Amino acid sequence: MSDPLPQSVLFCCDHNAVRSPMAEAIMKKFYGTDTYVQSVGVHNDLEIDGFTIAVCQEMDVELSRHRSRSFDEMEQWGDDLSSFDLVVALSPASQRRALELTRFFHLDVEYWPILDPTGLGETREEKLAQYRRTRDQIIDRLKDRFGEPTEVQ
């Protein structure tokens, strides 16, 4: 049984370069703009991953213009963590950071253990297969949590 869509969701992972940008973009495609969706990383030391861009492009999700940002940058740019209804952590490190930052706020932090595909596979096709697994895990979790997509695909 899926839950109703929250007003705002923040996805987080380690670098905001693979999993959280995927989740942000796919959620926007599936459920439209009624929910404010953003993503961050514990660190901002990597640009958006090329394999991430490629596997999302396969489903007409555009990520090439994504700019990675960290929790600290998010706050510096004026996005207050307490303004989000739901924080979804996609890695253990981001879950720890989210719980640390939200201990003074009443908001939900969920942990979705999503595969980190970086460094997996030898050939380009093997790497793409791992990134597709990650993308598909995110899609499954989104559908489990929020129901079937509401936007026209």
Protein backbone atom coordinates (compact mmCIF):
# COMPACT_ATOMS: atom_id res chain seq x y z
CA MET A 1 0.00 0.00 0.00
CA SER A 2 1.48 3.33 -1.02
CA ASP A 3 1.43 6.48 1.06
CA PRO A 4 0.19 9.83 -0.21
CA LEU A 5 2.79 12.11 -1.72
CA PRO A 6 4.44 14.45 0.77
CA GLN A 7 4.72 18.18 0.06
CA SER A 8 8.52 17.97 -0.10
CA VAL A 9 11.19 15.25 -0.31
CA LEU A 10 14.96 15.42 0.03
CA PHE A 11 17.01 12.50 -1.30
CA CYS A 12 20.56 12.15 0.00
CA CYS A 13 23.57 9.93 -0.65
CA ASP A 14 27.34 10.17 -0.31
CA HIS A 15 28.32 12.56 -3.16
CA ASN A 16 25.09 13.68 -4.87
CA ALA A 17 26.53 12.27 -8.09
CA VAL A 18 24.73 8.93 -8.65
CA ARG A 19 21.88 7.70 -6.43
CA SER A 20 20.27 10.86 -5.05
CA PRO A 21 20.18 12.75 -8.38
CA MET A 22 18.65 9.64 -9.97
CA ALA A 23 15.99 9.48 -7.26
CA GLU A 24 15.25 13.21 -7.51
CA ALA A 25 14.88 13.22 -11.29
CA ILE A 26 12.89 9.99 -11.52
CA MET A 27 10.50 11.12 -8.77
CA LYS A 28 9.90 14.40 -10.64
CA LYS A 29 9.20 12.46 -13.85
CA PHE A 30 6.88 9.95 -12.16
CA TYR A 31 4.90 12.25 -9.85
CA GLY A 32 5.13 15.72 -11.38
CA THR A 33 5.74 19.04 -9.71
CA ASP A 34 3.17 18.96 -6.92
CA THR A 35 5.90 17.68 -4.59
CA TYR A 36 9.05 19.77 -4.11
CA VAL A 37 11.99 17.38 -4.64
CA GLN A 38 15.70 18.04 -4.11
CA SER A 39 18.86 16.01 -3.55
CA VAL A 40 22.12 16.46 -1.67
CA GLY A 41 25.22 14.54 -0.67
CA VAL A 42 27.26 14.24 2.48
CA HIS A 43 30.15 15.56 0.34
CA ASN A 44 30.27 17.63 -2.80
CA ASP A 45 33.50 16.40 -4.32
CA LEU A 46 32.22 14.77 -7.52
CA GLU A 47 30.29 15.91 -10.58
CA ILE A 48 27.26 14.02 -11.87
CA ASP A 49 28.38 10.58 -13.03
CA GLY A 50 28.29 9.92 -16.78
CA PHE A 51 26.84 6.43 -16.38
CA THR A 52 24.08 7.94 -14.23
CA ILE A 53 23.26 10.38 -17.02
CA ALA A 54 23.25 7.55 -19.59
CA VAL A 55 20.93 5.13 -17.77
CA CYS A 56 18.49 7.90 -16.90
CA GLN A 57 18.50 9.16 -20.49
CA GLU A 58 17.28 5.68 -21.49
CA MET A 59 13.99 6.57 -19.81
CA ASP A 60 13.93 10.23 -20.96
CA VAL A 61 15.15 11.61 -17.63
CA GLU A 62 17.58 14.48 -18.12
CA LEU A 63 20.48 14.75 -15.65
CA SER A 64 23.31 16.34 -17.64
CA ARG A 65 22.64 19.78 -16.09
CA HIS A 66 22.56 18.47 -12.51
CA ARG A 67 25.01 20.23 -10.18
CA SER A 68 26.07 18.29 -7.11
CA ARG A 69 25.69 19.91 -3.70
CA SER A 70 26.25 18.95 -0.10
CA PHE A 71 24.10 19.34 3.00
CA ASP A 72 26.26 22.32 4.00
CA GLU A 73 25.80 24.02 0.62
CA MET A 74 22.07 23.36 0.76
CA GLU A 75 21.86 25.30 4.01
CA GLN A 76 24.13 28.07 2.68
CA TRP A 77 21.86 28.45 -0.34
CA GLY A 78 18.79 28.85 1.84
CA ASP A 79 17.13 25.43 1.71
CA ASP A 80 16.24 24.71 5.32
CA LEU A 81 16.31 21.02 6.14
CA SER A 82 13.37 21.46 8.50
CA SER A 83 11.20 22.57 5.56
CA PHE A 84 11.22 19.05 4.08
CA ASP A 85 8.48 16.61 5.04
CA LEU A 86 10.57 13.56 4.22
CA VAL A 87 14.29 12.86 3.95
CA VAL A 88 15.21 9.66 2.12
CA ALA A 89 18.77 8.47 2.74
CA LEU A 90 20.17 6.15 0.09
CA SER A 91 23.46 5.33 1.85
CA PRO A 92 24.49 4.64 5.47
CA ALA A 93 26.66 7.79 5.62
CA SER A 94 23.82 10.00 4.38
CA GLN A 95 21.42 8.39 6.84
CA ARG A 96 23.78 9.24 9.73
CA ARG A 97 24.19 12.82 8.49
CA ALA A 98 20.45 13.28 7.98
CA LEU A 99 19.63 11.94 11.45
CA GLU A 100 22.29 14.18 12.96
CA LEU A 101 20.92 17.27 11.19
CA THR A 102 17.26 16.48 11.89
CA ARG A 103 17.48 15.58 15.58
CA PHE A 104 15.97 18.97 16.47
CA PHE A 105 13.20 18.81 13.86
CA HIS A 106 10.09 16.69 13.64
CA LEU A 107 10.46 15.15 10.21
CA ASP A 108 10.72 11.66 8.85
CA VAL A 109 14.01 10.14 7.76
CA GLU A 110 13.76 6.89 5.83
CA TYR A 111 16.64 4.67 4.79
CA TRP A 112 16.46 2.94 1.43
CA PRO A 113 19.51 0.67 0.97
CA ILE A 114 20.28 1.32 -2.69
CA LEU A 115 23.25 -0.27 -4.46
CA ASP A 116 26.22 2.03 -5.11
CA PRO A 117 27.22 1.00 -8.65
CA THR A 118 30.46 2.98 -8.80
CA GLY A 119 33.45 0.73 -9.31
CA LEU A 120 31.36 -2.30 -10.29
CA GLY A 121 31.85 -4.00 -13.65
CA GLU A 122 34.85 -4.12 -15.96
CA THR A 123 33.48 -3.21 -19.39
CA ARG A 124 31.21 -0.32 -20.32
CA GLU A 125 28.26 -2.71 -20.73
CA GLU A 126 28.89 -4.33 -17.33
CA LYS A 127 29.09 -0.88 -15.70
CA LEU A 128 25.86 0.22 -17.40
CA ALA A 129 24.17 -2.97 -16.17
CA GLN A 130 25.11 -2.10 -12.57
CA TYR A 131 23.84 1.48 -12.94
CA ARG A 132 20.59 0.13 -14.41
CA ARG A 133 20.23 -2.13 -11.34
CA THR A 134 20.58 0.95 -9.13
CA ARG A 135 18.08 2.90 -11.24
CA ASP A 136 15.60 0.02 -11.13
CA GLN A 137 15.98 -0.34 -7.34
CA ILE A 138 15.11 3.35 -6.99
CA ILE A 139 12.10 2.97 -9.31
CA ASP A 140 10.85 -0.01 -7.29
CA ARG A 141 11.24 1.86 -4.00
CA LEU A 142 9.45 4.94 -5.38
CA LYS A 143 6.53 2.83 -6.58
CA ASP A 144 6.36 0.91 -3.28
CA ARG A 145 6.35 4.14 -1.30
CA PHE A 146 4.26 6.45 -3.49
CA GLY A 147 2.32 4.17 -5.86
CA GLU A 148 2.32 3.91 -9.61
CA PRO A 149 3.52 6.99 -11.51
CA THR A 150 0.88 9.67 -12.01
CA GLU A 151 2.52 11.58 -14.86
CA VAL A 152 2.26 10.60 -18.52
CA GLN A 153 5.33 8.57 -19.42
